[in-house]
Amino acid sequence: MIHPIKIGIVGLGRAGWGMHCKELTGREDKFQIVAACDVLPERRERVAEQFGCQTYARVEDLVADPAVELVDIATRSCDHLAHAKLALEAGKDVFLEKPITVSYAEAVSLREAAEASPGGSLYARHNRRFDPDFLHIQDIIASGILGEVYEIRLARHGYQRRDDWQTIKEFGGGQLLNWGPHIIDHALRFLESPVTSQYSDLKRVAAVGDAEDHLKIVLKGENGRIVDLEISGGVALGAPTYRVFGTRGSLVLSGNEVTLKYLDPAVLLEPRIANPGTPGETFGNKEVLPWIEETLPVKAGSNTVIWDHLYAAIREGVPFPVKLAEAIEVMRVVSIAKEGTEF
């Protein structure tokens, strides 16, 4: 018999109300919202009306509620560490919205709090790990049809004169802590190797706050693979979401469509050697390669399955697919990117 996990949601804004509550609707067999917390009374009234749950103005009071098993934290980024520690110290399980903290040092401190908790476990909400397009690209790379993949480029581009708290450093704003944890997590999964070097550049282009809205990070792994990622609120004409370059082919993903060009794996290429002599009057060579070109729709799916993984981890003891060490490594990359910058 399925036994629903009793959730207390902290923060009822764009993430807590706009995403978490909506994603939990239809999963009542696995999760029951029994409490919610927000500083704004109108938000508390709204969630109480829809879910019939207890509401609180203070995080401390929600954490102390004996009915709450899992504290789902969706507050501002700058508050994640303090709120997660409160819940962990009370022995509650914690589902923590990204970024798990605003720095690597805070992430290490949070890990220590999780290890010292009298009964609670910490789960990072890296839900984009389950994006259908990301999973589809991973499947194609694993199939080997592109050969040895040596470079991958990720992009999330747009142009917006953004003016909310996500543009203010004091609150943990900026693209590096907003989209950054998701795309850096993708980059580290694609790298498939420990990072040996990192290049970073941060800028403020169009946003009106004091945090960065444009960033580039280039990671190189021990295996020689490079992952180049860009996240920007200041690019008017954006690049494809994914570009993957391999020794036997490439792919590009834009929107919900994957375009592939790769050498036919059923055709054995004739051996060739470099000619040190003088080239002829024509450039290049006349070799006709057995290319296969195809366009595929992105496989169906939804990143909301992270809730099902969370249930399986808490109720069934199945290992949660997003390891805490992986979320902490994301924050290490974030902190390195900020070193020596005004951000």
Protein backbone atom coordinates (compact mmCIF):
# COMPACT_ATOMS: atom_id res chain seq x y z
CA MET A 1 0.00 0.00 0.00
CA ILE A 2 1.36 3.44 -0.97
CA HIS A 3 1.87 5.71 2.02
CA PRO A 4 1.97 9.43 0.99
CA ILE A 5 4.85 11.56 2.21
CA LYS A 6 3.61 14.55 4.20
CA ILE A 7 5.17 17.72 2.82
CA GLY A 8 5.63 21.20 4.24
CA ILE A 9 6.47 23.75 1.51
CA VAL A 10 8.59 26.77 2.45
CA GLY A 11 8.20 29.62 -0.04
CA LEU A 12 5.06 30.05 -2.14
CA GLY A 13 6.36 32.19 -4.99
CA ARG A 14 7.36 31.38 -8.55
CA ALA A 15 9.00 28.06 -7.62
CA GLY A 16 7.01 26.84 -4.60
CA TRP A 17 3.55 27.80 -5.86
CA GLY A 18 4.14 28.07 -9.60
CA MET A 19 6.10 24.83 -9.99
CA HIS A 20 6.15 22.57 -6.91
CA CYS A 21 2.44 22.78 -6.05
CA LYS A 22 1.44 22.26 -9.69
CA GLU A 23 3.79 19.30 -10.11
CA LEU A 24 2.43 17.66 -6.96
CA THR A 25 -1.13 17.93 -8.26
CA GLY A 26 -1.93 14.45 -9.56
CA ARG A 27 0.61 12.81 -7.25
CA GLU A 28 -1.63 12.78 -4.19
CA ASP A 29 -1.05 9.04 -3.82
CA LYS A 30 2.63 9.76 -3.11
CA PHE A 31 2.66 13.24 -1.57
CA GLN A 32 0.30 15.18 0.67
CA ILE A 33 0.81 18.90 1.31
CA VAL A 34 0.08 19.26 5.02
CA ALA A 35 1.76 22.63 5.69
CA ALA A 36 3.06 25.69 3.89
CA CYS A 37 5.02 28.77 4.87
CA ASP A 38 5.36 32.24 3.38
CA VAL A 39 5.82 35.75 4.76
CA LEU A 40 2.92 37.06 2.64
CA PRO A 41 -0.56 36.37 4.11
CA GLU A 42 -2.28 36.34 0.72
CA ARG A 43 -0.06 33.47 -0.38
CA ARG A 44 -0.82 31.54 2.79
CA GLU A 45 -4.55 32.05 2.26
CA ARG A 46 -4.31 30.85 -1.33
CA VAL A 47 -2.49 27.60 -0.51
CA ALA A 48 -4.77 26.88 2.48
CA GLU A 49 -7.83 27.30 0.28
CA GLN A 50 -6.51 24.93 -2.40
CA PHE A 51 -4.91 22.22 -0.25
CA GLY A 52 -6.63 22.63 3.11
CA CYS A 53 -3.24 22.63 4.83
CA GLN A 54 -1.83 24.34 7.92
CA THR A 55 0.01 27.59 7.16
CA TYR A 56 2.83 29.44 8.89
CA ALA A 57 4.55 32.80 8.59
CA ARG A 58 7.80 31.49 10.11
CA VAL A 59 9.98 28.66 8.85
CA GLU A 60 10.77 27.66 12.42
CA ASP A 61 7.10 26.93 13.09
CA LEU A 62 6.64 24.79 9.98
CA VAL A 63 9.78 22.80 10.78
CA ALA A 64 8.45 22.17 14.29
CA ASP A 65 5.14 20.79 12.98
CA PRO A 66 5.14 17.05 13.83
CA ALA A 67 2.91 16.31 10.84
CA VAL A 68 5.64 17.42 8.40
CA GLU A 69 7.97 14.65 7.21
CA LEU A 70 9.61 16.39 4.25
CA VAL A 71 10.45 20.10 4.12
CA ASP A 72 10.36 21.34 0.52
CA ILE A 73 12.41 24.55 0.37
CA ALA A 74 11.63 27.01 -2.43
CA THR A 75 12.68 30.32 -0.88
CA ARG A 76 15.15 32.87 -2.25
CA SER A 77 18.57 31.45 -3.03
CA CYS A 78 20.26 33.42 -0.25
CA ASP A 79 18.03 31.68 2.34
CA HIS A 80 18.52 28.08 1.23
CA LEU A 81 21.38 27.28 3.61
CA ALA A 82 19.68 28.64 6.75
CA HIS A 83 16.30 27.09 5.97
CA ALA A 84 17.75 23.69 5.06
CA LYS A 85 19.84 23.63 8.24
CA LEU A 86 16.77 24.36 10.37
CA ALA A 87 14.95 21.42 8.86
CA LEU A 88 17.90 19.04 9.04
CA GLU A 89 18.57 19.94 12.67
CA ALA A 90 14.95 19.03 13.40
CA GLY A 91 15.51 15.61 11.83
CA LYS A 92 13.35 16.32 8.77
CA ASP A 93 14.06 15.19 5.22
CA VAL A 94 14.75 18.15 2.94
CA PHE A 95 14.04 18.66 -0.77
CA LEU A 96 16.06 21.74 -1.67
CA GLU A 97 15.44 23.90 -4.74
CA LYS A 98 18.51 24.86 -6.76
CA PRO A 99 20.94 26.39 -6.12
CA ILE A 100 21.41 24.34 -2.97
CA THR A 101 23.46 27.28 -1.61
CA VAL A 102 25.06 30.42 -3.07
CA SER A 103 28.68 29.23 -2.77
CA TYR A 104 30.87 26.15 -2.54
CA ALA A 105 31.80 26.94 1.07
CA GLU A 106 28.11 27.05 2.00
CA ALA A 107 27.52 23.78 0.15
CA VAL A 108 30.24 22.06 2.19
CA SER A 109 28.66 23.47 5.36
CA LEU A 110 25.28 22.12 4.28
CA ARG A 111 26.74 18.67 3.67
CA GLU A 112 28.09 18.70 7.23
CA ALA A 113 24.64 19.64 8.52
CA ALA A 114 23.09 16.77 6.57
CA GLU A 115 25.64 14.33 7.96
CA ALA A 116 24.92 15.57 11.52
CA SER A 117 21.12 15.46 11.15
CA PRO A 118 19.42 13.22 13.74
CA GLY A 119 17.29 11.59 11.08
CA GLY A 120 16.85 13.78 8.02
CA SER A 121 18.29 13.35 4.53
CA LEU A 122 19.04 16.07 1.99
CA TYR A 123 17.88 15.82 -1.63
CA ALA A 124 18.84 18.38 -4.31
CA ARG A 125 16.10 19.41 -6.73
CA HIS A 126 18.13 19.22 -9.93
CA ASN A 127 14.99 18.41 -11.89
CA ARG A 128 16.52 19.41 -15.23
CA ARG A 129 18.61 16.25 -14.96
CA PHE A 130 15.45 14.61 -16.33
CA ASP A 131 14.76 16.99 -19.22
CA PRO A 132 13.72 14.88 -22.25
CA ASP A 133 16.13 16.63 -24.63
CA PHE A 134 19.08 16.19 -22.25
CA LEU A 135 18.30 12.49 -21.79
CA HIS A 136 17.87 12.03 -25.55
CA ILE A 137 21.28 13.56 -26.27
CA GLN A 138 22.86 11.32 -23.62
CA ASP A 139 21.31 8.27 -25.32
CA ILE A 140 22.68 9.28 -28.73
CA ILE A 141 26.18 9.84 -27.35
CA ALA A 142 26.07 6.48 -25.55
CA SER A 143 25.01 4.71 -28.77
CA GLY A 144 28.43 5.48 -30.26
CA ILE A 145 27.16 6.59 -33.68
CA LEU A 146 28.98 9.92 -33.34
CA GLY A 147 32.26 8.18 -32.56
CA GLU A 148 34.43 9.61 -29.80
CA VAL A 149 32.76 12.81 -28.62
CA TYR A 150 35.39 15.50 -28.08
CA GLU A 151 33.35 18.69 -27.62
CA ILE A 152 29.83 19.60 -26.51
CA ARG A 153 28.31 23.08 -26.52
CA LEU A 154 25.29 24.04 -24.43
CA ALA A 155 23.38 27.30 -24.77
CA ARG A 156 20.43 28.97 -23.10
CA HIS A 157 20.01 32.32 -24.81
CA GLY A 158 17.47 35.10 -24.66
CA TYR A 159 17.24 38.86 -24.30
CA GLN A 160 15.38 40.39 -21.38
CA ARG A 161 15.75 43.57 -19.31
CA ARG A 162 14.95 41.58 -16.21
CA ASP A 163 14.27 43.48 -12.95
CA ASP A 164 13.21 40.97 -10.25
CA TRP A 165 15.23 39.73 -7.23
CA GLN A 166 17.02 37.28 -9.49
CA THR A 167 19.04 40.25 -10.77
CA ILE A 168 20.30 41.32 -7.32
CA LYS A 169 23.49 39.84 -5.83
CA GLU A 170 22.31 40.31 -2.22
CA PHE A 171 19.59 37.70 -2.74
CA GLY A 172 21.68 35.22 -4.71
CA GLY A 173 20.57 36.56 -8.08
CA GLY A 174 22.30 36.22 -11.44
CA GLN A 175 22.19 33.64 -14.21
CA LEU A 176 25.01 31.67 -12.61
CA LEU A 177 22.76 30.76 -9.66
CA ASN A 178 19.50 30.74 -11.63
CA TRP A 179 19.94 28.67 -14.82
CA GLY A 180 23.55 27.91 -13.91
CA PRO A 181 23.05 24.92 -11.57
CA HIS A 182 20.92 23.14 -14.17
CA ILE A 183 23.23 23.67 -17.14
CA ILE A 184 26.44 23.17 -15.16
CA ASP A 185 24.96 19.88 -13.91
CA HIS A 186 24.32 18.91 -17.55
CA ALA A 187 27.87 19.92 -18.45
CA LEU A 188 29.38 17.79 -15.68
CA ARG A 189 27.29 14.79 -16.73
CA PHE A 190 28.37 15.26 -20.35
CA LEU A 191 32.01 15.65 -19.37
CA GLU A 192 32.07 12.10 -17.96
CA SER A 193 35.38 12.89 -16.27
CA PRO A 194 36.81 14.99 -13.42
CA VAL A 195 37.40 18.65 -14.35
CA THR A 196 41.06 19.52 -14.96
CA SER A 197 40.63 23.14 -16.09
CA GLN A 198 37.95 25.82 -16.21
CA TYR A 199 37.63 29.10 -18.10
CA SER A 200 34.88 31.49 -17.05
CA ASP A 201 33.62 34.92 -18.04
CA LEU A 202 30.69 36.83 -16.49
CA LYS A 203 29.00 40.00 -17.73
CA ARG A 204 25.92 42.12 -17.11
CA VAL A 205 24.37 42.99 -20.47
CA ALA A 206 20.63 43.69 -20.29
CA ALA A 207 19.40 43.02 -16.74
CA VAL A 208 18.90 46.09 -14.54
CA GLY A 209 20.27 44.69 -11.25
CA ASP A 210 23.88 44.26 -10.15
CA ALA A 211 24.22 40.51 -10.88
CA GLU A 212 25.52 38.91 -14.07
CA ASP A 213 23.05 37.98 -16.81
CA HIS A 214 25.57 36.56 -19.31
CA LEU A 215 28.11 33.85 -18.63
CA LYS A 216 30.44 31.49 -20.45
CA ILE A 217 32.14 28.52 -18.81
CA VAL A 218 34.46 26.10 -20.61
CA LEU A 219 35.30 22.88 -18.77
CA LYS A 220 37.97 20.36 -19.79
CA GLY A 221 37.99 16.85 -18.38
CA GLU A 222 40.78 14.42 -17.65
CA ASN A 223 39.56 12.50 -20.69
CA GLY A 224 40.30 15.52 -22.94
CA ARG A 225 36.65 16.27 -23.64
CA ILE A 226 35.55 19.91 -23.60
CA VAL A 227 32.12 21.21 -22.62
CA ASP A 228 31.42 24.84 -23.51
CA LEU A 229 28.30 26.39 -21.96
CA GLU A 230 26.66 29.78 -22.34
CA ILE A 231 23.71 31.17 -20.42
CA SER A 232 22.55 34.64 -21.31
CA GLY A 233 19.78 37.14 -20.93
CA GLY A 234 21.60 39.40 -23.37
CA VAL A 235 21.66 37.48 -26.67
CA ALA A 236 19.05 38.50 -29.24
CA LEU A 237 19.76 35.70 -31.74
CA GLY A 238 20.41 32.50 -29.84
CA ALA A 239 22.43 29.40 -30.67
CA PRO A 240 21.03 25.84 -30.69
CA THR A 241 20.43 24.33 -27.28
CA TYR A 242 22.91 21.49 -27.86
CA ARG A 243 25.75 20.90 -30.31
CA VAL A 244 27.77 17.70 -30.06
CA PHE A 245 30.93 17.02 -32.08
CA GLY A 246 32.31 13.49 -32.47
CA THR A 247 34.97 11.80 -34.57
CA ARG A 248 32.30 10.17 -36.77
CA GLY A 249 29.55 12.78 -36.76
CA SER A 250 27.73 15.64 -35.10
CA LEU A 251 24.32 16.61 -33.84
CA VAL A 252 22.42 19.84 -33.28
CA LEU A 253 19.32 20.21 -31.14
CA SER A 254 17.02 23.22 -31.49
CA GLY A 255 13.57 23.31 -29.96
CA ASN A 256 12.20 19.77 -29.99
CA GLU A 257 14.17 18.52 -32.97
CA VAL A 258 17.51 16.71 -33.22
CA THR A 259 19.49 16.91 -36.49
CA LEU A 260 22.15 14.24 -36.99
CA LYS A 261 24.91 13.72 -39.55
CA TYR A 262 27.16 10.71 -39.01
CA LEU A 263 29.18 8.15 -40.94
CA ASP A 264 27.35 4.93 -41.71
CA PRO A 265 28.60 2.47 -39.07
CA ALA A 266 27.96 -0.42 -41.50
CA VAL A 267 30.50 0.91 -44.01
CA LEU A 268 34.20 0.28 -43.40
CA LEU A 269 36.27 3.29 -44.47
CA GLU A 270 39.28 2.67 -46.66
CA PRO A 271 42.60 3.33 -44.87
CA ARG A 272 44.31 6.58 -45.87
CA ILE A 273 47.78 7.98 -45.26
CA ALA A 274 49.08 11.54 -45.31
CA ASN A 275 50.87 12.40 -48.59
CA PRO A 276 54.00 14.51 -48.08
CA GLY A 277 54.22 15.35 -51.79
CA THR A 278 53.05 18.43 -53.67
CA PRO A 279 49.25 18.63 -53.90
CA GLY A 280 47.54 18.61 -57.25
CA GLU A 281 45.63 21.46 -58.82
CA THR A 282 42.42 20.65 -56.95
CA PHE A 283 41.92 21.25 -53.27
CA GLY A 284 40.98 18.56 -50.76
CA ASN A 285 40.39 14.97 -51.79
CA LYS A 286 37.81 13.13 -53.82
CA GLU A 287 36.78 10.66 -51.11
CA VAL A 288 33.02 10.19 -50.94
CA LEU A 289 32.02 9.53 -47.36
CA PRO A 290 28.95 7.41 -46.45
CA TRP A 291 27.03 10.06 -44.53
CA ILE A 292 23.69 9.42 -42.91
CA GLU A 293 21.58 12.49 -42.23
CA GLU A 294 18.38 12.40 -40.23
CA THR A 295 16.09 14.55 -38.15
CA LEU A 296 14.36 13.17 -35.08
CA PRO A 297 11.79 14.54 -32.64
CA VAL A 298 12.94 14.72 -29.03
CA LYS A 299 11.73 11.70 -27.09
CA ALA A 300 8.72 12.37 -24.88
CA GLY A 301 9.15 12.80 -21.16
CA SER A 302 8.94 15.24 -18.25
CA ASN A 303 11.40 16.45 -15.64
CA THR A 304 8.64 16.21 -13.01
CA VAL A 305 9.59 12.54 -12.61
CA ILE A 306 12.08 13.79 -10.03
CA TRP A 307 9.18 13.62 -7.56
CA ASP A 308 8.74 9.92 -8.29
CA HIS A 309 12.45 9.36 -7.70
CA LEU A 310 12.14 11.30 -4.44
CA TYR A 311 9.27 9.10 -3.26
CA ALA A 312 11.19 5.95 -4.17
CA ALA A 313 14.23 7.18 -2.23
CA ILE A 314 12.31 8.05 0.94
CA ARG A 315 9.72 5.27 1.04
CA GLU A 316 11.49 2.43 -0.78
CA GLY A 317 15.17 3.08 -0.10
CA VAL A 318 16.05 3.40 -3.79
CA PRO A 319 19.20 5.55 -4.26
CA PHE A 320 18.25 9.08 -5.34
CA PRO A 321 19.73 9.66 -8.83
CA VAL A 322 21.05 13.15 -7.99
CA LYS A 323 23.90 12.57 -5.55
CA LEU A 324 24.61 15.30 -3.00
CA ALA A 325 28.28 15.22 -4.02
CA GLU A 326 27.23 16.08 -7.59
CA ALA A 327 25.21 19.09 -6.45
CA ILE A 328 28.18 20.24 -4.35
CA GLU A 329 30.50 19.89 -7.37
CA VAL A 330 28.13 22.19 -9.29
CA MET A 331 28.61 24.79 -6.57
CA ARG A 332 32.40 24.37 -6.79
CA VAL A 333 32.24 25.26 -10.49
CA VAL A 334 29.96 28.21 -9.66
CA SER A 335 32.37 29.57 -7.04
CA ILE A 336 35.38 29.21 -9.36
CA ALA A 337 33.47 31.11 -12.05
CA LYS A 338 32.90 34.02 -9.66
CA GLU A 339 36.52 34.27 -8.47
CA GLY A 340 38.13 37.59 -9.32
CA THR A 341 34.93 39.13 -10.71
CA GLU A 342 32.64 41.90 -9.46
CA PHE A 343 29.89 39.30 -9.16
